[in-house]
Amino acid sequence: MTERLTVGINSYVSLADANAVAETRLFAAPWDAATDATRERALATATALLDRLQWQGRVLAPTQALAWPRVAQHAAPGYPLTTETPSAIVGATVDLAIHLLTAGEHAGAPVRQRMLGDSLVMYFPTIADEFPKHVRRAIEPYLEASSANVAQVRF
């Protein structure tokens, strides 16, 4: 038996809300072709990937299962009493889910080869980031470090 998609437990967004967001996206054909069960798995996977990032602030309640909703780091305990996950995070979750559904359709990153004398050098010309650029740009304002390539030092 599979676990159902539950907002606040394994997803930042419900299937109904995700469907509404996907209807506004141009390249959502993989989403449209997927079954509800596959869409739920994609949303849960996208949430899990986003949930492990270092977000600004702190969780609203120490007992919550996911990183969102959040409040400012220095907010008094219990304030605010309720808050919602920002629409940018919800949209990024749906966009990442759509990207995950298309990941099997794309070939791997292109490999470049160059001969340097007697040596063959192979490299990937793109920066390794598991998030597509449009998802990364949507979540950047909420991250502690705006890029996967930025180190953060805490004292």
Protein backbone atom coordinates (compact mmCIF):
# COMPACT_ATOMS: atom_id res chain seq x y z
CA MET A 1 0.00 0.00 0.00
CA THR A 2 1.41 3.39 -0.94
CA GLU A 3 1.26 6.47 1.21
CA ARG A 4 -1.09 9.14 -0.09
CA LEU A 5 0.11 12.64 -0.80
CA THR A 6 -0.45 14.75 2.32
CA VAL A 7 0.30 18.47 2.47
CA GLY A 8 2.57 19.17 5.43
CA ILE A 9 3.66 15.53 5.72
CA ASN A 10 5.19 14.60 2.36
CA SER A 11 4.30 17.49 0.05
CA TYR A 12 4.24 21.27 -0.01
CA VAL A 13 1.23 21.22 -2.34
CA SER A 14 -1.93 19.17 -2.81
CA LEU A 15 -2.58 17.34 -6.06
CA ALA A 16 -5.54 19.63 -6.84
CA ASP A 17 -3.44 22.77 -6.32
CA ALA A 18 -0.57 21.26 -8.31
CA ASN A 19 -2.93 20.52 -11.19
CA ALA A 20 -4.07 24.16 -11.13
CA VAL A 21 -0.46 25.37 -11.23
CA ALA A 22 0.48 22.91 -13.99
CA GLU A 23 -2.39 24.21 -16.13
CA THR A 24 -0.55 27.55 -16.29
CA ARG A 25 2.74 26.01 -17.43
CA LEU A 26 3.68 25.87 -21.11
CA PHE A 27 5.74 22.68 -21.04
CA ALA A 28 3.50 20.53 -18.84
CA ALA A 29 2.78 17.73 -21.33
CA PRO A 30 4.54 15.10 -19.14
CA TRP A 31 2.33 16.20 -16.23
CA ASP A 32 -0.80 15.94 -18.38
CA ALA A 33 0.20 12.45 -19.54
CA ALA A 34 0.93 11.15 -16.03
CA THR A 35 -1.55 9.35 -13.82
CA ASP A 36 -2.57 10.86 -10.49
CA ALA A 37 -0.44 8.27 -8.66
CA THR A 38 2.62 9.24 -10.73
CA ARG A 39 1.92 12.94 -10.17
CA GLU A 40 1.71 12.33 -6.41
CA ARG A 41 5.05 10.48 -6.46
CA ALA A 42 6.62 13.32 -8.47
CA LEU A 43 5.32 15.92 -5.99
CA ALA A 44 6.55 13.90 -3.01
CA THR A 45 9.98 13.49 -4.64
CA ALA A 46 10.19 17.18 -5.55
CA THR A 47 9.23 18.10 -1.98
CA ALA A 48 11.89 15.75 -0.58
CA LEU A 49 14.55 17.32 -2.81
CA LEU A 50 13.55 20.86 -1.84
CA ASP A 51 13.11 19.98 1.82
CA ARG A 52 16.77 19.14 2.31
CA LEU A 53 17.96 22.64 1.33
CA GLN A 54 19.12 25.23 3.85
CA TRP A 55 16.26 27.72 4.05
CA GLN A 56 16.25 31.10 5.76
CA GLY A 57 14.53 31.33 9.13
CA ARG A 58 13.28 28.39 11.16
CA VAL A 59 10.37 25.99 11.04
CA LEU A 60 7.07 27.28 12.37
CA ALA A 61 6.66 24.34 14.76
CA PRO A 62 9.45 22.02 15.91
CA THR A 63 7.17 19.02 15.36
CA GLN A 64 6.38 19.69 11.70
CA ALA A 65 7.51 17.09 9.18
CA LEU A 66 8.70 19.48 6.45
CA ALA A 67 10.88 22.59 6.28
CA TRP A 68 7.92 24.79 5.29
CA PRO A 69 6.09 26.75 6.63
CA ARG A 70 8.83 28.90 8.19
CA VAL A 71 9.17 32.09 10.21
CA ALA A 72 12.02 34.56 10.65
CA GLN A 73 14.93 33.19 12.69
CA HIS A 74 14.39 35.65 15.55
CA ALA A 75 10.58 35.55 15.65
CA ALA A 76 9.12 34.99 19.09
CA PRO A 77 7.88 31.41 19.69
CA GLY A 78 4.25 31.11 18.69
CA TYR A 79 4.39 34.08 16.29
CA PRO A 80 2.82 34.06 13.81
CA LEU A 81 0.15 31.57 14.83
CA THR A 82 -0.37 30.47 11.23
CA THR A 83 1.56 30.97 8.05
CA GLU A 84 1.44 29.52 4.56
CA THR A 85 4.12 28.16 2.31
CA PRO A 86 5.02 30.93 -0.18
CA SER A 87 3.52 30.58 -3.63
CA ALA A 88 7.05 30.61 -5.11
CA ILE A 89 7.89 27.44 -3.15
CA VAL A 90 4.61 25.81 -4.18
CA GLY A 91 5.23 26.74 -7.82
CA ALA A 92 8.82 25.52 -7.65
CA THR A 93 7.61 22.20 -6.23
CA VAL A 94 5.25 21.73 -9.18
CA ASP A 95 7.90 22.85 -11.69
CA LEU A 96 10.43 20.44 -10.18
CA ALA A 97 7.84 17.63 -10.27
CA ILE A 98 7.23 18.31 -13.97
CA HIS A 99 11.00 18.34 -14.53
CA LEU A 100 11.33 15.00 -12.73
CA LEU A 101 8.66 13.51 -14.98
CA THR A 102 10.62 14.62 -18.05
CA ALA A 103 14.04 13.56 -16.70
CA GLY A 104 13.71 10.12 -18.25
CA GLU A 105 13.06 11.65 -21.66
CA HIS A 106 16.32 13.61 -21.74
CA ALA A 107 19.68 12.15 -22.54
CA GLY A 108 22.38 12.70 -19.94
CA ALA A 109 24.45 15.85 -19.87
CA PRO A 110 26.48 16.24 -23.05
CA VAL A 111 30.06 15.06 -22.75
CA ARG A 112 32.76 16.98 -24.57
CA GLN A 113 35.97 15.35 -25.68
CA ARG A 114 39.22 17.06 -26.62
CA MET A 115 42.57 15.67 -27.60
CA LEU A 116 45.47 17.34 -25.84
CA GLY A 117 48.56 15.80 -27.37
CA ASP A 118 48.34 12.09 -26.63
CA SER A 119 45.68 12.58 -23.93
CA LEU A 120 41.94 12.51 -24.30
CA VAL A 121 40.11 14.87 -21.94
CA MET A 122 36.39 14.36 -21.26
CA TYR A 123 34.26 16.86 -19.38
CA PHE A 124 30.68 18.03 -18.84
CA PRO A 125 30.21 21.61 -20.07
CA THR A 126 27.33 22.33 -17.67
CA ILE A 127 27.36 23.01 -13.94
CA ALA A 128 26.00 20.09 -11.98
CA ASP A 129 22.82 21.20 -10.24
CA GLU A 130 19.90 18.90 -9.67
CA PHE A 131 17.45 21.79 -10.04
CA PRO A 132 16.56 23.38 -13.36
CA LYS A 133 17.43 27.07 -13.61
CA HIS A 134 13.83 28.28 -13.40
CA VAL A 135 13.30 26.34 -10.16
CA ARG A 136 16.59 27.57 -8.70
CA ARG A 137 15.66 31.18 -9.50
CA ALA A 138 12.24 30.81 -7.87
CA ILE A 139 13.65 29.49 -4.59
CA GLU A 140 16.81 31.64 -4.35
CA PRO A 141 15.23 34.45 -2.29
CA TYR A 142 14.31 31.93 0.41
CA LEU A 143 17.65 30.11 0.67
CA GLU A 144 20.44 30.75 3.18
CA ALA A 145 22.94 30.47 0.30
CA SER A 146 21.56 31.45 -3.11
CA SER A 147 23.46 28.84 -5.12
CA ALA A 148 24.54 25.25 -4.89
CA ASN A 149 28.04 26.55 -5.54
CA VAL A 150 28.18 28.93 -2.57
CA ALA A 151 29.66 27.82 0.72
CA GLN A 152 28.25 29.11 3.96
CA VAL A 153 30.31 29.43 7.11
CA ARG A 154 28.63 29.61 10.52
CA PHE A 155 30.36 30.64 13.71
